[in-house]
Amino acid sequence: MSSVFTLLFAPSFLLLIHYFDFQQIVLIYIFISLVAFIYALIKKKKLEDFIILSIYFVLLSISYFYGSIETVKFIPVFTSMAFFTLFADAALRNKALIYKLTQKFYKKELTREEKIFLKKGDAYWAISILLYAIIQIISVFTVSDALWALYSSIGWYIYFVFILGIQIIYGKMYAIKVYS
């Protein structure tokens, strides 16, 4: 649910701001984030859903009281930083988060070398997400609202596929050979 909210947030906010008052839109999004939060509680969703929805609620509330679109633009940055924290923690504590996620979505049996490579992949993703967040911060202050909305919604998915592609190519061409 939070991924759909994240994908649609920036472009829909930008569209609505042309037709309605800023504070009315923010109030609607605060209400939506509260409803989504309650839904997540009822459905017993994952911790990251609660973190993302909390980020939306807090920053939207600040935006409402200060009338600041820049605060709204920082919502995707804080969401990215939450994911950075998740992967940085996994890398520091050797939780093998990427390996566990791969096991969920990739049903083929992994070789010993692939398992080693994936278990060491959390730091790569932490750095990649940090880089994405830095680009987001720069976009808040330097690009048009339309480009910010595009980058903050669809841009993440394009970046994700690109970074995943780099990891797969690197793993197949070099890293797995090192571990064998």
Protein backbone atom coordinates (compact mmCIF):
# COMPACT_ATOMS: atom_id res chain seq x y z
CA MET A 1 0.00 0.00 0.00
CA SER A 2 2.74 2.45 0.90
CA SER A 3 4.53 1.79 -2.41
CA VAL A 4 1.41 2.83 -4.35
CA PHE A 5 1.09 5.89 -2.10
CA THR A 6 4.75 6.74 -2.77
CA LEU A 7 4.41 6.28 -6.53
CA LEU A 8 1.33 8.45 -6.86
CA PHE A 9 2.12 11.09 -4.25
CA ALA A 10 4.42 13.52 -6.10
CA PRO A 11 2.62 13.68 -9.47
CA SER A 12 -0.86 13.82 -7.95
CA PHE A 13 0.19 16.50 -5.47
CA LEU A 14 1.68 18.58 -8.27
CA LEU A 15 -1.46 18.18 -10.38
CA LEU A 16 -3.83 19.05 -7.54
CA ILE A 17 -1.89 22.15 -6.49
CA HIS A 18 -2.84 23.79 -9.79
CA TYR A 19 -6.56 23.44 -9.03
CA PHE A 20 -6.90 23.63 -5.25
CA ASP A 21 -5.51 25.51 -2.26
CA PHE A 22 -2.19 24.19 -0.93
CA GLN A 23 -3.40 23.66 2.62
CA GLN A 24 -6.56 21.86 1.47
CA ILE A 25 -4.49 19.41 -0.54
CA VAL A 26 -2.11 18.85 2.36
CA LEU A 27 -5.06 18.25 4.67
CA ILE A 28 -6.47 15.66 2.26
CA TYR A 29 -3.12 13.88 2.12
CA ILE A 30 -2.85 13.95 5.92
CA PHE A 31 -6.27 12.30 6.05
CA ILE A 32 -5.23 9.71 3.43
CA SER A 33 -2.03 8.91 5.33
CA LEU A 34 -4.02 8.45 8.56
CA VAL A 35 -6.51 6.14 6.84
CA ALA A 36 -3.62 4.18 5.30
CA PHE A 37 -1.94 4.00 8.72
CA ILE A 38 -5.10 2.64 10.35
CA TYR A 39 -5.51 0.15 7.48
CA ALA A 40 -1.90 -0.96 7.96
CA LEU A 41 -2.57 -1.46 11.69
CA ILE A 42 -5.67 -3.54 11.00
CA LYS A 43 -3.90 -5.65 8.36
CA LYS A 44 -0.76 -5.94 10.52
CA LYS A 45 1.54 -4.70 7.78
CA LYS A 46 5.35 -4.60 7.87
CA LEU A 47 7.30 -2.08 9.96
CA GLU A 48 8.51 -0.17 6.90
CA ASP A 49 4.89 0.57 5.92
CA PHE A 50 4.38 2.25 9.28
CA ILE A 51 7.65 4.16 8.99
CA ILE A 52 6.81 5.47 5.51
CA LEU A 53 3.27 6.44 6.48
CA SER A 54 4.60 8.16 9.61
CA ILE A 55 7.06 10.16 7.50
CA TYR A 56 4.20 11.28 5.28
CA PHE A 57 2.03 12.23 8.23
CA VAL A 58 4.70 14.19 10.10
CA LEU A 59 6.05 16.10 7.11
CA LEU A 60 2.59 16.81 5.74
CA SER A 61 1.59 18.17 9.14
CA ILE A 62 4.65 20.44 9.16
CA SER A 63 3.81 21.52 5.60
CA TYR A 64 0.26 22.32 6.63
CA PHE A 65 1.28 24.57 9.51
CA TYR A 66 4.11 26.34 7.66
CA GLY A 67 2.55 26.37 4.18
CA SER A 68 5.80 25.01 2.74
CA ILE A 69 5.95 23.09 -0.52
CA GLU A 70 9.66 22.44 0.12
CA THR A 71 8.68 20.36 3.15
CA VAL A 72 6.35 18.36 0.90
CA LYS A 73 9.21 17.87 -1.55
CA PHE A 74 11.33 16.39 1.24
CA ILE A 75 8.87 13.55 1.89
CA PRO A 76 10.43 11.29 -0.78
CA VAL A 77 13.90 12.19 0.57
CA PHE A 78 12.97 11.04 4.08
CA THR A 79 11.37 7.91 2.65
CA SER A 80 14.61 7.12 0.81
CA MET A 81 16.59 7.78 3.98
CA ALA A 82 14.38 5.31 5.85
CA PHE A 83 15.32 2.66 3.29
CA PHE A 84 18.97 3.71 3.47
CA THR A 85 18.84 3.20 7.23
CA LEU A 86 17.25 -0.22 6.77
CA PHE A 87 19.99 -1.38 4.36
CA ALA A 88 22.83 0.28 6.29
CA ASP A 89 21.66 -1.50 9.45
CA ALA A 90 21.46 -4.78 7.54
CA ALA A 91 24.99 -4.28 6.20
CA LEU A 92 26.45 -3.38 9.60
CA ARG A 93 24.73 -6.26 11.39
CA ASN A 94 25.23 -8.83 8.60
CA LYS A 95 21.49 -9.45 8.27
CA ALA A 96 21.74 -10.46 4.59
CA LEU A 97 18.59 -8.53 3.69
CA ILE A 98 19.21 -8.67 -0.08
CA TYR A 99 19.79 -12.40 0.14
CA LYS A 100 16.50 -12.89 2.02
CA LEU A 101 14.60 -10.70 -0.45
CA THR A 102 16.11 -12.62 -3.35
CA GLN A 103 14.99 -15.91 -1.82
CA LYS A 104 11.41 -14.59 -1.67
CA PHE A 105 11.23 -13.53 -5.30
CA TYR A 106 13.73 -15.84 -7.06
CA LYS A 107 12.59 -19.43 -6.76
CA LYS A 108 15.55 -20.99 -8.60
CA GLU A 109 18.18 -22.65 -6.40
CA LEU A 110 21.17 -20.36 -5.86
CA THR A 111 24.75 -21.58 -6.02
CA ARG A 112 27.04 -21.22 -3.03
CA GLU A 113 28.88 -18.37 -4.76
CA GLU A 114 25.63 -16.53 -5.55
CA LYS A 115 24.56 -16.86 -1.92
CA ILE A 116 27.86 -15.36 -0.71
CA PHE A 117 27.57 -12.50 -3.21
CA LEU A 118 23.99 -11.71 -2.23
CA LYS A 119 24.72 -11.91 1.49
CA LYS A 120 27.30 -9.15 0.98
CA GLY A 121 24.95 -6.98 -1.12
CA ASP A 122 23.36 -4.85 1.61
CA ALA A 123 26.18 -2.28 1.64
CA TYR A 124 25.84 -1.83 -2.14
CA TRP A 125 22.14 -1.10 -1.77
CA ALA A 126 22.69 1.23 1.18
CA ILE A 127 25.18 3.29 -0.83
CA SER A 128 22.94 3.22 -3.93
CA ILE A 129 19.92 4.45 -1.95
CA LEU A 130 22.03 7.14 -0.27
CA LEU A 131 23.13 8.35 -3.71
CA TYR A 132 19.50 8.40 -4.84
CA ALA A 133 18.54 10.45 -1.76
CA ILE A 134 21.33 12.95 -2.44
CA ILE A 135 20.04 13.39 -5.99
CA GLN A 136 16.55 13.88 -4.54
CA ILE A 137 17.82 16.60 -2.20
CA ILE A 138 19.47 18.37 -5.10
CA SER A 139 16.27 18.08 -7.15
CA VAL A 140 14.22 19.70 -4.37
CA PHE A 141 16.19 22.93 -4.81
CA THR A 142 17.31 22.93 -8.43
CA VAL A 143 14.72 21.43 -10.79
CA SER A 144 11.20 22.35 -11.75
CA ASP A 145 8.27 20.97 -9.79
CA ALA A 146 7.31 18.75 -12.74
CA LEU A 147 10.79 17.21 -12.98
CA TRP A 148 10.85 16.77 -9.19
CA ALA A 149 7.50 14.92 -9.34
CA LEU A 150 8.72 12.70 -12.18
CA TYR A 151 11.99 11.87 -10.43
CA SER A 152 10.36 11.34 -7.03
CA SER A 153 7.80 8.89 -8.38
CA ILE A 154 8.79 7.09 -11.56
CA GLY A 155 12.47 7.96 -11.23
CA TRP A 156 12.88 5.61 -8.28
CA TYR A 157 11.71 2.63 -10.32
CA ILE A 158 14.00 3.50 -13.23
CA TYR A 159 16.91 3.97 -10.80
CA PHE A 160 16.06 0.71 -9.02
CA VAL A 161 16.10 -1.29 -12.28
CA PHE A 162 19.37 0.38 -13.31
CA ILE A 163 21.08 -0.35 -9.97
CA LEU A 164 19.73 -3.91 -9.94
CA GLY A 165 21.06 -4.39 -13.48
CA ILE A 166 24.50 -3.20 -12.40
CA GLN A 167 24.46 -5.59 -9.44
CA ILE A 168 23.43 -8.55 -11.62
CA ILE A 169 26.02 -7.80 -14.32
CA TYR A 170 28.77 -7.26 -11.76
CA GLY A 171 27.79 -10.43 -9.93
CA LYS A 172 27.69 -12.61 -13.06
CA MET A 173 30.85 -11.20 -14.68
CA TYR A 174 33.12 -10.75 -11.70
CA ALA A 175 31.99 -11.30 -8.12
CA ILE A 176 30.69 -14.87 -8.37
CA LYS A 177 33.98 -15.91 -10.03
CA VAL A 178 35.87 -14.40 -7.09
CA TYR A 179 33.90 -16.49 -4.59
CA SER A 180 34.43 -19.77 -6.47
